[in-house]
């Protein structure tokens, strides 16, 4: 079955950086677009960034453009989210996702931006 396992979250000060990773298994990773979503307390889950199957195209939420970068290493079945210039509004649980028959989700990793 499809498994997505995120890592790399934590506590960071405003202006800091974090790099999230997500390893996928149970499907042919390179054939699927991969996405990062986030959900802050009391808010709906929102798309943060997405990347096409072979890394050709990307799209970002307006709120993270210029600060976050999605990338992937198909040889390692891994998608990354480099997050720079973090601010408290970026505090959320971040989820890795793909659409394989249905929308698939990882367990999430907490990112907290606070001084």
C-alpha atoms as a PDB file:
ATOM      1  CA  UNK A   1       0.000   0.000   0.000  1.00  0.00           C
ATOM      2  CA  UNK A   2       1.007   3.611  -0.423  1.00  0.00           C
ATOM      3  CA  UNK A   3       3.077   5.050   2.384  1.00  0.00           C
ATOM      4  CA  UNK A   4       4.303   8.598   2.762  1.00  0.00           C
ATOM      5  CA  UNK A   5       6.620   9.401   5.656  1.00  0.00           C
ATOM      6  CA  UNK A   6       7.536  13.000   6.423  1.00  0.00           C
ATOM      7  CA  UNK A   7      10.439  14.226   8.510  1.00  0.00           C
ATOM      8  CA  UNK A   8      12.323  17.428   9.216  1.00  0.00           C
ATOM      9  CA  UNK A   9       9.831  19.485  11.158  1.00  0.00           C
ATOM     10  CA  UNK A  10      10.635  21.267  14.383  1.00  0.00           C
ATOM     11  CA  UNK A  11      10.834  24.564  16.193  1.00  0.00           C
ATOM     12  CA  UNK A  12      12.557  27.434  14.422  1.00  0.00           C
ATOM     13  CA  UNK A  13      12.871  31.144  15.063  1.00  0.00           C
ATOM     14  CA  UNK A  14      11.324  33.695  12.713  1.00  0.00           C
ATOM     15  CA  UNK A  15      13.580  34.200   9.724  1.00  0.00           C
ATOM     16  CA  UNK A  16      14.978  30.702  10.015  1.00  0.00           C
ATOM     17  CA  UNK A  17      14.913  27.760   7.649  1.00  0.00           C
ATOM     18  CA  UNK A  18      13.833  24.141   7.661  1.00  0.00           C
ATOM     19  CA  UNK A  19      13.965  21.373   5.101  1.00  0.00           C
ATOM     20  CA  UNK A  20      11.180  18.815   5.085  1.00  0.00           C
ATOM     21  CA  UNK A  21      11.547  15.409   3.477  1.00  0.00           C
ATOM     22  CA  UNK A  22       8.981  12.821   2.457  1.00  0.00           C
ATOM     23  CA  UNK A  23       9.785   9.296   1.390  1.00  0.00           C
ATOM     24  CA  UNK A  24       7.175   7.472  -0.667  1.00  0.00           C
ATOM     25  CA  UNK A  25       6.707   3.731  -1.062  1.00  0.00           C
ATOM     26  CA  UNK A  26       4.139   1.323  -2.443  1.00  0.00           C
ATOM     27  CA  UNK A  27       3.845   3.102  -5.769  1.00  0.00           C
ATOM     28  CA  UNK A  28       6.042   4.122  -8.694  1.00  0.00           C
ATOM     29  CA  UNK A  29       7.166   7.394  -7.185  1.00  0.00           C
ATOM     30  CA  UNK A  30       8.609   8.919 -10.350  1.00  0.00           C
ATOM     31  CA  UNK A  31       5.266   8.614 -12.166  1.00  0.00           C
ATOM     32  CA  UNK A  32       3.331  10.769  -9.723  1.00  0.00           C
ATOM     33  CA  UNK A  33       3.072  14.433  -8.976  1.00  0.00           C
ATOM     34  CA  UNK A  34       3.896  15.188  -5.353  1.00  0.00           C
ATOM     35  CA  UNK A  35       2.561  17.928  -3.144  1.00  0.00           C
ATOM     36  CA  UNK A  36       3.009  19.532   0.236  1.00  0.00           C
ATOM     37  CA  UNK A  37       0.010  20.749   2.180  1.00  0.00           C
ATOM     38  CA  UNK A  38      -0.255  22.349   5.582  1.00  0.00           C
ATOM     39  CA  UNK A  39      -2.911  22.767   8.214  1.00  0.00           C
ATOM     40  CA  UNK A  40      -2.724  25.371  10.920  1.00  0.00           C
ATOM     41  CA  UNK A  41      -4.858  25.140  14.084  1.00  0.00           C
ATOM     42  CA  UNK A  42      -8.436  26.089  13.339  1.00  0.00           C
ATOM     43  CA  UNK A  43      -7.818  26.386   9.611  1.00  0.00           C
ATOM     44  CA  UNK A  44      -8.458  24.221   6.584  1.00  0.00           C
ATOM     45  CA  UNK A  45      -5.698  22.213   4.991  1.00  0.00           C
ATOM     46  CA  UNK A  46      -4.132  24.182   2.152  1.00  0.00           C
ATOM     47  CA  UNK A  47      -1.841  23.401  -0.751  1.00  0.00           C
ATOM     48  CA  UNK A  48       1.638  24.814  -0.224  1.00  0.00           C
ATOM     49  CA  UNK A  49       3.597  23.490  -3.201  1.00  0.00           C
ATOM     50  CA  UNK A  50       3.375  20.842  -5.894  1.00  0.00           C
ATOM     51  CA  UNK A  51       5.733  19.331  -8.410  1.00  0.00           C
ATOM     52  CA  UNK A  52       5.034  17.327 -11.550  1.00  0.00           C
ATOM     53  CA  UNK A  53       6.086  13.707 -11.810  1.00  0.00           C
ATOM     54  CA  UNK A  54       9.451  14.227 -13.480  1.00  0.00           C
ATOM     55  CA  UNK A  55      10.149  17.564 -11.844  1.00  0.00           C
ATOM     56  CA  UNK A  56       9.124  19.614 -14.827  1.00  0.00           C
ATOM     57  CA  UNK A  57       6.670  22.079 -13.364  1.00  0.00           C
ATOM     58  CA  UNK A  58       5.944  23.467  -9.949  1.00  0.00           C
ATOM     59  CA  UNK A  59       3.335  25.652  -8.362  1.00  0.00           C
ATOM     60  CA  UNK A  60       3.207  27.430  -5.031  1.00  0.00           C
ATOM     61  CA  UNK A  61       0.727  29.122  -2.796  1.00  0.00           C
ATOM     62  CA  UNK A  62       1.063  32.884  -3.054  1.00  0.00           C
ATOM     63  CA  UNK A  63       1.943  33.054   0.627  1.00  0.00           C
ATOM     64  CA  UNK A  64       5.130  31.008   0.170  1.00  0.00           C
ATOM     65  CA  UNK A  65       6.329  32.070  -3.283  1.00  0.00           C
ATOM     66  CA  UNK A  66       9.955  33.135  -3.187  1.00  0.00           C
ATOM     67  CA  UNK A  67      10.494  31.550   0.228  1.00  0.00           C
ATOM     68  CA  UNK A  68       9.723  27.849  -0.248  1.00  0.00           C
ATOM     69  CA  UNK A  69      11.131  25.483  -2.850  1.00  0.00           C
ATOM     70  CA  UNK A  70       9.819  22.029  -3.688  1.00  0.00           C
ATOM     71  CA  UNK A  71      12.163  19.492  -5.240  1.00  0.00           C
ATOM     72  CA  UNK A  72      12.349  15.755  -5.675  1.00  0.00           C
ATOM     73  CA  UNK A  73      14.867  12.961  -6.027  1.00  0.00           C
ATOM     74  CA  UNK A  74      13.129  10.183  -7.913  1.00  0.00           C
ATOM     75  CA  UNK A  75      16.067   7.830  -7.399  1.00  0.00           C
ATOM     76  CA  UNK A  76      15.430   8.052  -3.655  1.00  0.00           C
ATOM     77  CA  UNK A  77      11.628   8.264  -3.821  1.00  0.00           C
ATOM     78  CA  UNK A  78      11.871  11.508  -1.901  1.00  0.00           C
ATOM     79  CA  UNK A  79      10.285  14.922  -2.189  1.00  0.00           C
ATOM     80  CA  UNK A  80      11.637  17.915  -0.291  1.00  0.00           C
ATOM     81  CA  UNK A  81      10.327  21.264   0.842  1.00  0.00           C
ATOM     82  CA  UNK A  82      12.994  23.856   1.551  1.00  0.00           C
ATOM     83  CA  UNK A  83      11.471  26.592   3.672  1.00  0.00           C
ATOM     84  CA  UNK A  84      13.327  29.873   4.132  1.00  0.00           C
ATOM     85  CA  UNK A  85      12.445  33.162   5.810  1.00  0.00           C
ATOM     86  CA  UNK A  86       9.928  31.396   7.994  1.00  0.00           C
ATOM     87  CA  UNK A  87       7.409  33.470   9.931  1.00  0.00           C
ATOM     88  CA  UNK A  88       4.882  32.582  12.633  1.00  0.00           C
ATOM     89  CA  UNK A  89       2.119  32.329  10.014  1.00  0.00           C
ATOM     90  CA  UNK A  90       3.943  29.282   8.614  1.00  0.00           C
ATOM     91  CA  UNK A  91       3.289  27.361  11.831  1.00  0.00           C
ATOM     92  CA  UNK A  92       1.294  24.260  10.892  1.00  0.00           C
ATOM     93  CA  UNK A  93       1.388  20.532  10.429  1.00  0.00           C
ATOM     94  CA  UNK A  94       2.885  19.868   7.015  1.00  0.00           C
ATOM     95  CA  UNK A  95       1.707  16.896   4.988  1.00  0.00           C
ATOM     96  CA  UNK A  96       3.157  15.168   1.994  1.00  0.00           C
ATOM     97  CA  UNK A  97       0.578  13.994  -0.521  1.00  0.00           C
ATOM     98  CA  UNK A  98       0.018  12.322  -3.852  1.00  0.00           C
ATOM     99  CA  UNK A  99      -2.993  11.141  -5.801  1.00  0.00           C
ATOM    100  CA  UNK A 100      -2.781   7.378  -6.278  1.00  0.00           C
ATOM    101  CA  UNK A 101      -6.307   6.110  -6.898  1.00  0.00           C
ATOM    102  CA  UNK A 102      -7.350   8.424  -4.082  1.00  0.00           C
ATOM    103  CA  UNK A 103      -5.646  11.319  -2.308  1.00  0.00           C
ATOM    104  CA  UNK A 104      -2.933   9.836  -0.119  1.00  0.00           C
ATOM    105  CA  UNK A 105      -1.464  11.543   2.944  1.00  0.00           C
ATOM    106  CA  UNK A 106       1.502  11.145   5.218  1.00  0.00           C
ATOM    107  CA  UNK A 107       1.197  11.416   8.978  1.00  0.00           C
ATOM    108  CA  UNK A 108       2.382  15.010   8.971  1.00  0.00           C
ATOM    109  CA  UNK A 109       5.271  16.829  10.592  1.00  0.00           C
ATOM    110  CA  UNK A 110       4.878  19.799  12.913  1.00  0.00           C
ATOM    111  CA  UNK A 111       6.559  23.077  12.022  1.00  0.00           C
ATOM    112  CA  UNK A 112       6.508  25.763  14.697  1.00  0.00           C
ATOM    113  CA  UNK A 113       7.914  29.217  14.044  1.00  0.00           C
ATOM    114  CA  UNK A 114       8.328  31.131  17.263  1.00  0.00           C
ATOM    115  CA  UNK A 115      10.839  33.198  19.150  1.00  0.00           C
END
